[in-house]
N, C-alpha and C. Protein backbone atom coordinates (compact mmCIF):
# COMPACT_ATOMS: atom_id res chain seq x y z
N UNK A 1 51.17 68.73 109.06
CA UNK A 1 51.37 69.41 107.50
C UNK A 1 51.45 70.78 108.39
N UNK A 2 50.72 71.37 109.78
CA UNK A 2 50.71 72.71 110.00
C UNK A 2 52.36 73.22 109.98
N UNK A 3 53.65 72.07 110.93
CA UNK A 3 54.67 72.82 110.56
C UNK A 3 55.55 73.04 109.40
N UNK A 4 55.24 72.02 108.09
CA UNK A 4 55.36 72.14 106.86
C UNK A 4 55.04 73.53 106.08
N UNK A 5 53.50 73.93 106.62
CA UNK A 5 53.01 75.47 105.92
C UNK A 5 53.61 76.49 107.04
N UNK A 6 54.18 76.29 108.68
CA UNK A 6 54.66 77.23 108.80
C UNK A 6 56.01 77.43 108.19
N UNK A 7 56.92 76.36 108.45
CA UNK A 7 57.92 76.35 107.74
C UNK A 7 58.61 77.27 106.55
N UNK A 8 57.39 76.63 105.44
CA UNK A 8 56.79 77.51 104.20
C UNK A 8 56.90 78.54 104.75
N UNK A 9 56.11 79.18 105.18
CA UNK A 9 55.93 80.35 105.47
C UNK A 9 56.97 81.23 105.63
N UNK A 10 57.51 80.87 106.86
CA UNK A 10 58.85 81.32 107.85
C UNK A 10 59.98 81.38 106.58
N UNK A 11 60.49 80.90 105.85
CA UNK A 11 60.96 80.76 104.87
C UNK A 11 60.76 81.98 103.23
N UNK A 12 59.82 82.00 103.52
CA UNK A 12 59.04 83.11 102.55
C UNK A 12 59.38 84.64 103.01
N UNK A 13 58.78 84.62 104.09
CA UNK A 13 58.72 86.00 105.02
C UNK A 13 59.86 87.15 104.03
N UNK A 14 61.62 86.61 104.21
CA UNK A 14 62.22 87.86 103.41
C UNK A 14 61.89 88.42 102.67
N UNK A 15 61.24 87.01 101.86
CA UNK A 15 61.56 87.72 100.38
C UNK A 15 59.86 88.26 100.24
N UNK A 16 58.99 88.60 100.82
CA UNK A 16 57.38 89.13 100.99
C UNK A 16 57.84 90.37 101.12
N UNK A 17 58.95 90.81 102.34
CA UNK A 17 59.18 91.95 103.18
C UNK A 17 59.38 93.07 101.91
N UNK A 18 61.13 92.39 101.08
CA UNK A 18 60.94 93.15 100.44
C UNK A 18 60.34 93.32 99.03
N UNK A 19 59.79 92.21 98.95
CA UNK A 19 58.83 93.29 97.45
C UNK A 19 57.83 94.07 98.30
N UNK A 20 56.94 93.89 99.54
CA UNK A 20 55.96 94.15 99.85
C UNK A 20 56.75 96.16 100.16
N UNK A 21 58.13 95.96 100.49
CA UNK A 21 59.16 97.42 100.25
C UNK A 21 59.18 98.06 99.64
N UNK A 22 59.10 97.19 98.22
CA UNK A 22 59.60 98.17 96.54
C UNK A 22 58.20 99.04 96.61
N UNK A 23 57.16 98.20 96.21
CA UNK A 23 55.90 97.87 95.56
C UNK A 23 55.77 99.57 97.01
N UNK A 24 55.50 99.44 97.90
CA UNK A 24 55.16 100.49 98.67
C UNK A 24 56.04 102.18 98.56
N UNK A 25 57.17 101.49 98.77
CA UNK A 25 58.49 102.79 98.33
C UNK A 25 58.13 103.29 97.01
N UNK A 26 57.41 102.82 95.73
CA UNK A 26 57.31 103.21 94.98
C UNK A 26 56.30 104.07 94.49
N UNK A 27 55.01 103.59 95.09
CA UNK A 27 53.30 103.94 95.00
C UNK A 27 53.61 105.38 95.55
N UNK A 28 54.96 105.36 97.11
CA UNK A 28 54.69 106.61 97.77
C UNK A 28 55.55 107.87 96.99
N UNK A 29 56.63 107.04 96.45
CA UNK A 29 57.52 107.80 95.06
C UNK A 29 56.70 108.62 93.98
N UNK A 30 55.43 107.69 94.14
CA UNK A 30 54.90 107.96 93.13
C UNK A 30 53.17 109.10 93.21
N UNK A 31 52.98 109.09 94.54
CA UNK A 31 52.49 109.62 95.23
C UNK A 31 52.96 111.41 95.24
N UNK A 32 54.62 111.53 95.86
CA UNK A 32 54.91 112.76 96.47
C UNK A 32 54.91 113.56 94.74
N UNK A 33 55.24 112.93 93.87
CA UNK A 33 55.32 113.62 92.28
C UNK A 33 53.57 113.63 91.40
N UNK A 34 52.73 113.14 92.25
CA UNK A 34 51.95 113.18 91.26
C UNK A 34 50.76 114.12 92.24
N UNK A 35 51.01 114.20 93.68
CA UNK A 35 50.16 115.71 94.12
C UNK A 35 50.89 116.31 94.88
N UNK A 36 50.48 117.34 95.47
CA UNK A 36 51.20 118.51 96.63
C UNK A 36 49.37 118.50 97.54
N UNK A 37 50.43 117.83 98.69
CA UNK A 37 49.54 118.39 99.56
C UNK A 37 50.50 119.81 100.04
N UNK A 38 49.17 120.54 100.17
CA UNK A 38 49.79 122.16 101.09
C UNK A 38 50.19 121.69 102.58
N UNK A 39 50.92 122.13 103.08
CA UNK A 39 51.28 122.67 104.88
C UNK A 39 50.18 122.74 105.15
N UNK A 40 49.25 122.71 105.88
CA UNK A 40 48.47 124.19 106.42
C UNK A 40 49.58 123.99 107.99
N UNK A 41 49.89 125.34 109.25
CA UNK A 41 49.98 125.52 109.74
C UNK A 41 48.82 126.65 111.17
N UNK A 42 49.14 126.31 112.15
CA UNK A 42 47.98 126.54 112.99
C UNK A 42 48.02 128.56 113.48
N UNK A 43 47.23 128.97 114.22
CA UNK A 43 47.38 130.69 114.17
C UNK A 43 48.26 130.64 114.75
N UNK A 44 48.96 130.00 116.16
CA UNK A 44 50.11 130.21 116.74
C UNK A 44 51.71 130.16 116.00
N UNK A 45 51.67 129.38 115.06
CA UNK A 45 52.31 129.51 113.92
C UNK A 45 52.65 130.05 112.83
N UNK A 46 51.68 130.87 112.24
CA UNK A 46 51.21 131.73 111.49
C UNK A 46 51.23 132.97 112.28
N UNK A 47 51.57 133.18 113.45
CA UNK A 47 51.92 134.68 113.79
C UNK A 47 53.35 134.58 114.38
N UNK A 48 53.86 133.86 114.38
CA UNK A 48 55.58 133.52 114.47
C UNK A 48 55.97 134.20 113.14
N UNK A 49 55.24 133.30 112.09
CA UNK A 49 55.87 133.77 110.10
C UNK A 49 55.30 134.72 110.44
N UNK A 50 54.14 135.28 110.57
CA UNK A 50 53.50 136.98 110.70
C UNK A 50 54.47 137.86 111.20
N UNK A 51 54.42 137.69 112.22
CA UNK A 51 54.64 138.75 113.52
C UNK A 51 53.10 139.23 114.25
N UNK A 52 52.11 139.32 113.47
CA UNK A 52 51.30 139.19 114.00
C UNK A 52 50.28 139.03 114.82
N UNK A 53 50.03 139.42 115.99
CA UNK A 53 49.35 138.39 116.86
C UNK A 53 48.60 137.96 116.81
N UNK A 54 48.54 136.43 117.46
CA UNK A 54 47.13 135.80 116.87
C UNK A 54 45.60 136.66 116.92
N UNK A 55 45.77 137.47 118.01
CA UNK A 55 44.17 138.32 117.47
C UNK A 55 44.23 138.56 117.22
N UNK A 56 44.97 140.06 116.28
CA UNK A 56 44.64 140.21 115.14
C UNK A 56 45.09 139.42 114.37
N UNK A 57 45.48 137.95 112.94
CA UNK A 57 45.27 137.68 112.96
C UNK A 57 43.48 136.93 112.79
N UNK A 58 43.08 136.73 113.92
CA UNK A 58 41.78 136.17 114.03
C UNK A 58 40.85 137.59 112.93
N UNK A 59 40.83 138.49 113.35
CA UNK A 59 40.26 139.97 113.32
C UNK A 59 40.75 140.04 111.91
N UNK A 60 41.83 140.29 110.85
CA UNK A 60 41.82 140.47 110.12
C UNK A 60 41.46 138.59 109.24
N UNK A 61 41.22 137.98 109.38
CA UNK A 61 40.64 136.67 108.92
C UNK A 61 39.24 137.17 109.01
N UNK A 62 38.31 137.18 109.42
CA UNK A 62 37.04 137.33 110.23
C UNK A 62 36.68 138.77 108.98
N UNK A 63 37.23 139.65 108.19
CA UNK A 63 37.48 140.79 107.38
C UNK A 63 38.04 140.11 106.26
N UNK A 64 38.30 139.13 106.23
CA UNK A 64 38.50 138.83 104.88
C UNK A 64 39.50 138.93 104.01
N UNK A 65 40.66 139.34 105.20
CA UNK A 65 42.36 139.97 104.38
C UNK A 65 43.39 139.41 104.24
N UNK A 66 43.31 138.21 105.45
CA UNK A 66 44.51 137.27 104.81
C UNK A 66 44.42 135.71 103.65
N UNK A 67 45.23 136.09 102.75
CA UNK A 67 44.71 134.25 101.87
C UNK A 67 45.17 133.43 102.12
N UNK A 68 44.57 132.12 102.31
CA UNK A 68 45.03 131.02 102.18
C UNK A 68 44.32 130.62 103.96
N UNK A 69 43.70 131.63 104.29
CA UNK A 69 43.26 130.60 105.77
C UNK A 69 41.67 130.27 105.87
N UNK A 70 41.62 129.69 106.74
CA UNK A 70 40.47 128.91 106.53
C UNK A 70 40.03 128.15 107.45
N UNK A 71 38.58 128.17 108.28
CA UNK A 71 38.62 127.33 109.72
C UNK A 71 38.38 126.30 109.55
N UNK A 72 38.43 124.91 109.96
CA UNK A 72 38.06 123.85 109.93
C UNK A 72 37.97 122.86 111.65
N UNK A 73 36.91 122.43 111.61
CA UNK A 73 36.36 121.90 112.80
C UNK A 73 36.16 123.55 114.08
N UNK A 74 36.31 124.90 113.40
CA UNK A 74 36.80 125.58 114.50
C UNK A 74 37.86 125.77 114.63
N UNK A 75 38.96 125.38 113.89
CA UNK A 75 40.13 125.93 114.04
C UNK A 75 40.53 126.91 112.54
N UNK A 76 41.30 128.02 113.16
CA UNK A 76 41.74 128.72 111.88
C UNK A 76 42.91 128.21 111.30
N UNK A 77 43.14 127.67 110.24
CA UNK A 77 44.65 126.97 109.57
C UNK A 77 44.86 128.25 108.43
N UNK A 78 45.98 127.66 108.12
CA UNK A 78 46.97 128.68 107.00
C UNK A 78 47.33 128.20 105.82
N UNK A 79 47.32 128.03 104.36
CA UNK A 79 48.25 126.67 103.49
C UNK A 79 49.73 127.81 103.66
N UNK A 80 50.71 127.68 104.22
CA UNK A 80 52.35 128.27 104.78
C UNK A 80 52.52 128.60 103.26
N UNK A 81 52.65 128.04 102.22
CA UNK A 81 53.11 128.78 100.65
C UNK A 81 52.54 129.98 100.36
N UNK A 82 51.12 130.59 100.99
CA UNK A 82 49.98 131.07 100.44
C UNK A 82 50.02 132.62 101.14
N UNK A 83 50.57 132.01 102.84
CA UNK A 83 50.77 132.64 103.54
C UNK A 83 52.35 133.12 103.57
N UNK A 84 53.24 133.49 103.46
CA UNK A 84 54.25 133.28 103.15
C UNK A 84 54.34 134.15 101.94
N UNK A 85 54.24 134.38 100.97
CA UNK A 85 53.57 134.61 99.38
C UNK A 85 53.09 136.35 99.98
N UNK A 86 51.79 135.86 100.97
CA UNK A 86 51.80 137.28 101.67
C UNK A 86 52.58 137.81 101.74
N UNK A 87 53.36 137.91 102.99
CA UNK A 87 54.41 138.13 104.15
C UNK A 87 55.00 139.02 103.24
N UNK A 88 55.95 138.20 101.95
CA UNK A 88 56.68 138.75 101.12
C UNK A 88 56.56 139.52 100.18
N UNK A 89 55.31 139.67 99.94
CA UNK A 89 54.76 141.10 98.86
C UNK A 89 54.20 142.15 99.99
N UNK A 90 54.40 142.66 101.53
CA UNK A 90 54.22 143.45 102.29
C UNK A 90 53.20 142.78 102.78
N UNK A 91 51.87 141.35 103.16
CA UNK A 91 51.01 141.84 103.76
C UNK A 91 51.80 142.13 105.29
N UNK A 92 52.68 142.19 105.46
CA UNK A 92 53.25 141.87 106.53
C UNK A 92 53.06 143.44 107.38
N UNK A 93 53.03 143.67 108.50
CA UNK A 93 53.30 145.20 109.28
C UNK A 93 54.65 145.44 109.65
């Protein structure tokens, strides 16, 4: 009996794999169109993007001068799109 079940499952495996791939790919595609997950960057990356030093970014954040910045678990993160818009509108020195 065990050999029969194993044979059946082995024969069914390619079909199940294909069904799962199709199901997950459609779910992931739907999530990408329904949701926007903003990209966050750290202080080093924000420094490269803006031209400000990391210390300047920390100081400006503490004064509320940078939009899209937030502290998460003690780390300062920036919303990339918001930071780019800020730089493009003259926020950069």
